[in-house]
Structure formats: C-alpha cells, structure tokens
Amino acid sequence: MGVNYNKLWKLLIDKEMNKTQLKCAAKISSNAIAKMGKNEPVSIETIVKVCKVLQCDIGDVMEISTKDKGI
C-alpha cells in the first residue's frame, strides 16, 4: 500500500497557494512537505493541519493505493 498526494497539489493550484505558503500556514516542517512530494507517508497530525488550512477533508488531499507493491 502507498499514499498519493496528487489531490493536494491540484488543490493548492486551485487555491493559488504554493508549498511554502502551505508550510507556513499549516505550521508543518519542510521535511513533511518533502515527504508528501515523494508520496511518502506523513503523520495524521500533519494531514489534519493541512486540511484545517485548506478547509477540506482528508480524502480531498490524499489517496491510499491498495495495489500490492510486492511487500
């Protein structure tokens, strides 16, 4: 299983916001932004902060892939 944050990047474009602005508004680390950029998991706390800033639900910023990656 893996995560995908493509919905987040599309939402940022729609809201005319960049990653740095999101980082500052949500008070999350550069490391968290970098992990999301690589579709790596981040804490639920981080996702909740992002959702609060963007006024959306978790499903609006990420997807969980159920495809087996051979793990």
N, C-alpha and C. Protein backbone atom coordinates (compact mmCIF):
# COMPACT_ATOMS: atom_id res chain seq x y z
N MET A 1 0.84 -1.18 0.00
CA MET A 1 0.00 0.00 0.00
C MET A 1 0.88 1.24 0.00
N GLY A 2 0.40 2.27 -0.65
CA GLY A 2 1.12 3.53 -0.68
C GLY A 2 0.16 4.70 -0.64
N VAL A 3 0.71 5.87 -0.46
CA VAL A 3 -0.11 7.07 -0.43
C VAL A 3 0.21 7.93 -1.65
N ASN A 4 -0.75 8.76 -2.00
CA ASN A 4 -0.60 9.64 -3.15
C ASN A 4 -1.21 10.98 -2.78
N TYR A 5 -0.45 12.06 -2.99
CA TYR A 5 -0.89 13.40 -2.62
C TYR A 5 -1.21 14.27 -3.83
N ASN A 6 -1.47 13.66 -4.98
CA ASN A 6 -1.77 14.44 -6.18
C ASN A 6 -2.96 15.38 -5.98
N LYS A 7 -3.95 14.93 -5.21
CA LYS A 7 -5.11 15.78 -4.95
C LYS A 7 -4.71 17.05 -4.20
N LEU A 8 -3.73 16.94 -3.30
CA LEU A 8 -3.26 18.10 -2.56
C LEU A 8 -2.64 19.12 -3.50
N TRP A 9 -1.79 18.67 -4.40
CA TRP A 9 -1.11 19.61 -5.31
C TRP A 9 -2.12 20.29 -6.23
N LYS A 10 -3.12 19.56 -6.68
CA LYS A 10 -4.17 20.16 -7.51
C LYS A 10 -4.97 21.18 -6.71
N LEU A 11 -5.24 20.87 -5.46
CA LEU A 11 -6.00 21.79 -4.59
C LEU A 11 -5.20 23.07 -4.35
N LEU A 12 -3.90 22.94 -4.17
CA LEU A 12 -3.06 24.13 -3.98
C LEU A 12 -3.10 25.03 -5.22
N ILE A 13 -3.07 24.42 -6.40
CA ILE A 13 -3.17 25.20 -7.63
C ILE A 13 -4.50 25.94 -7.68
N ASP A 14 -5.58 25.23 -7.36
CA ASP A 14 -6.91 25.84 -7.37
C ASP A 14 -7.00 27.02 -6.39
N LYS A 15 -6.30 26.90 -5.27
CA LYS A 15 -6.35 27.95 -4.24
C LYS A 15 -5.24 28.98 -4.42
N GLU A 16 -4.49 28.85 -5.52
CA GLU A 16 -3.38 29.75 -5.84
C GLU A 16 -2.41 29.88 -4.65
N MET A 17 -2.02 28.73 -4.14
CA MET A 17 -1.12 28.65 -2.99
C MET A 17 0.06 27.76 -3.37
N ASN A 18 1.25 28.11 -2.90
CA ASN A 18 2.39 27.23 -3.17
C ASN A 18 2.76 26.43 -1.92
N LYS A 19 3.71 25.54 -2.06
CA LYS A 19 4.09 24.64 -0.96
C LYS A 19 4.64 25.41 0.24
N THR A 20 5.41 26.46 -0.03
CA THR A 20 5.97 27.26 1.06
C THR A 20 4.87 27.96 1.85
N GLN A 21 3.90 28.49 1.15
CA GLN A 21 2.77 29.14 1.81
C GLN A 21 1.99 28.14 2.66
N LEU A 22 1.79 26.94 2.13
CA LEU A 22 1.11 25.89 2.89
C LEU A 22 1.90 25.52 4.13
N LYS A 23 3.20 25.37 3.97
CA LYS A 23 4.07 25.01 5.10
C LYS A 23 3.94 26.03 6.23
N CYS A 24 3.98 27.30 5.88
CA CYS A 24 3.88 28.36 6.90
C CYS A 24 2.48 28.43 7.51
N ALA A 25 1.46 28.36 6.69
CA ALA A 25 0.08 28.48 7.18
C ALA A 25 -0.30 27.30 8.08
N ALA A 26 0.13 26.10 7.70
CA ALA A 26 -0.22 24.90 8.46
C ALA A 26 0.77 24.62 9.60
N LYS A 27 1.86 25.38 9.62
CA LYS A 27 2.91 25.18 10.64
C LYS A 27 3.42 23.75 10.64
N ILE A 28 3.79 23.30 9.43
CA ILE A 28 4.38 21.97 9.28
C ILE A 28 5.81 22.13 8.79
N SER A 29 6.59 21.09 8.90
CA SER A 29 8.01 21.16 8.55
C SER A 29 8.25 21.04 7.05
N SER A 30 9.41 21.51 6.65
CA SER A 30 9.85 21.33 5.26
C SER A 30 9.98 19.85 4.94
N ASN A 31 10.38 19.08 5.94
CA ASN A 31 10.52 17.63 5.78
C ASN A 31 9.18 16.99 5.43
N ALA A 32 8.10 17.45 6.08
CA ALA A 32 6.77 16.90 5.80
C ALA A 32 6.36 17.22 4.36
N ILE A 33 6.63 18.45 3.92
CA ILE A 33 6.31 18.83 2.54
C ILE A 33 7.12 17.97 1.57
N ALA A 34 8.39 17.76 1.88
CA ALA A 34 9.25 16.94 1.01
C ALA A 34 8.74 15.50 0.94
N LYS A 35 8.33 14.94 2.08
CA LYS A 35 7.80 13.57 2.10
C LYS A 35 6.54 13.47 1.24
N MET A 36 5.66 14.45 1.38
CA MET A 36 4.43 14.43 0.57
C MET A 36 4.76 14.56 -0.91
N GLY A 37 5.80 15.34 -1.22
CA GLY A 37 6.23 15.48 -2.62
C GLY A 37 6.72 14.17 -3.21
N LYS A 38 7.20 13.27 -2.35
CA LYS A 38 7.69 11.96 -2.79
C LYS A 38 6.66 10.86 -2.57
N ASN A 39 5.41 11.26 -2.21
CA ASN A 39 4.34 10.30 -1.91
C ASN A 39 4.74 9.33 -0.81
N GLU A 40 5.39 9.88 0.21
CA GLU A 40 5.74 9.09 1.39
C GLU A 40 4.75 9.42 2.50
N PRO A 41 4.52 8.48 3.41
CA PRO A 41 3.56 8.74 4.49
C PRO A 41 4.04 9.83 5.45
N VAL A 42 3.09 10.62 5.93
CA VAL A 42 3.34 11.61 6.98
C VAL A 42 2.32 11.36 8.10
N SER A 43 2.50 12.01 9.21
CA SER A 43 1.61 11.77 10.35
C SER A 43 0.20 12.30 10.07
N ILE A 44 -0.75 11.69 10.74
CA ILE A 44 -2.14 12.16 10.65
C ILE A 44 -2.22 13.59 11.15
N GLU A 45 -1.45 13.92 12.17
CA GLU A 45 -1.43 15.28 12.70
C GLU A 45 -1.07 16.29 11.59
N THR A 46 -0.11 15.94 10.77
CA THR A 46 0.29 16.81 9.65
C THR A 46 -0.84 16.95 8.65
N ILE A 47 -1.48 15.85 8.31
CA ILE A 47 -2.60 15.88 7.35
C ILE A 47 -3.75 16.74 7.91
N VAL A 48 -4.03 16.60 9.19
CA VAL A 48 -5.11 17.38 9.81
C VAL A 48 -4.79 18.87 9.75
N LYS A 49 -3.54 19.24 10.01
CA LYS A 49 -3.15 20.66 9.92
C LYS A 49 -3.36 21.19 8.50
N VAL A 50 -2.97 20.40 7.52
CA VAL A 50 -3.15 20.79 6.11
C VAL A 50 -4.64 20.96 5.81
N CYS A 51 -5.44 20.01 6.24
CA CYS A 51 -6.88 20.06 5.98
C CYS A 51 -7.54 21.27 6.64
N LYS A 52 -7.10 21.62 7.83
CA LYS A 52 -7.65 22.79 8.51
C LYS A 52 -7.36 24.06 7.72
N VAL A 53 -6.14 24.19 7.25
CA VAL A 53 -5.75 25.38 6.49
C VAL A 53 -6.52 25.45 5.17
N LEU A 54 -6.66 24.32 4.51
CA LEU A 54 -7.33 24.30 3.20
C LEU A 54 -8.84 24.13 3.32
N GLN A 55 -9.33 23.95 4.54
CA GLN A 55 -10.75 23.78 4.81
C GLN A 55 -11.34 22.65 3.95
N CYS A 56 -10.74 21.48 4.12
CA CYS A 56 -11.16 20.32 3.35
C CYS A 56 -11.07 19.07 4.21
N ASP A 57 -11.39 17.94 3.62
CA ASP A 57 -11.35 16.65 4.29
C ASP A 57 -10.10 15.89 3.86
N ILE A 58 -9.74 14.89 4.62
CA ILE A 58 -8.53 14.10 4.32
C ILE A 58 -8.56 13.53 2.90
N GLY A 59 -9.71 13.05 2.48
CA GLY A 59 -9.84 12.48 1.13
C GLY A 59 -9.67 13.50 0.02
N ASP A 60 -9.71 14.78 0.37
CA ASP A 60 -9.51 15.83 -0.62
C ASP A 60 -8.03 16.11 -0.88
N VAL A 61 -7.15 15.59 -0.02
CA VAL A 61 -5.72 15.86 -0.18
C VAL A 61 -4.88 14.62 -0.43
N MET A 62 -5.42 13.45 -0.16
CA MET A 62 -4.62 12.24 -0.35
C MET A 62 -5.48 11.03 -0.73
N GLU A 63 -4.82 10.05 -1.30
CA GLU A 63 -5.45 8.77 -1.62
C GLU A 63 -4.53 7.67 -1.11
N ILE A 64 -5.12 6.55 -0.76
CA ILE A 64 -4.34 5.39 -0.37
C ILE A 64 -4.48 4.37 -1.48
N SER A 65 -3.35 3.97 -2.01
CA SER A 65 -3.35 2.97 -3.08
C SER A 65 -3.35 1.58 -2.45
N THR A 66 -4.25 0.73 -2.89
CA THR A 66 -4.32 -0.62 -2.36
C THR A 66 -3.59 -1.62 -3.25
N LYS A 67 -2.90 -1.11 -4.26
CA LYS A 67 -2.14 -2.00 -5.13
C LYS A 67 -0.96 -2.57 -4.36
N ASP A 68 -0.75 -3.87 -4.49
CA ASP A 68 0.35 -4.54 -3.83
C ASP A 68 1.64 -4.18 -4.55
N LYS A 69 2.61 -3.71 -3.77
CA LYS A 69 3.92 -3.35 -4.34
C LYS A 69 4.94 -4.45 -4.07
N GLY A 70 4.47 -5.65 -3.86
CA GLY A 70 5.38 -6.75 -3.64
C GLY A 70 5.96 -6.81 -2.24
N ILE A 71 5.28 -6.19 -1.32
CA ILE A 71 5.78 -6.17 0.05
C ILE A 71 5.24 -7.36 0.81
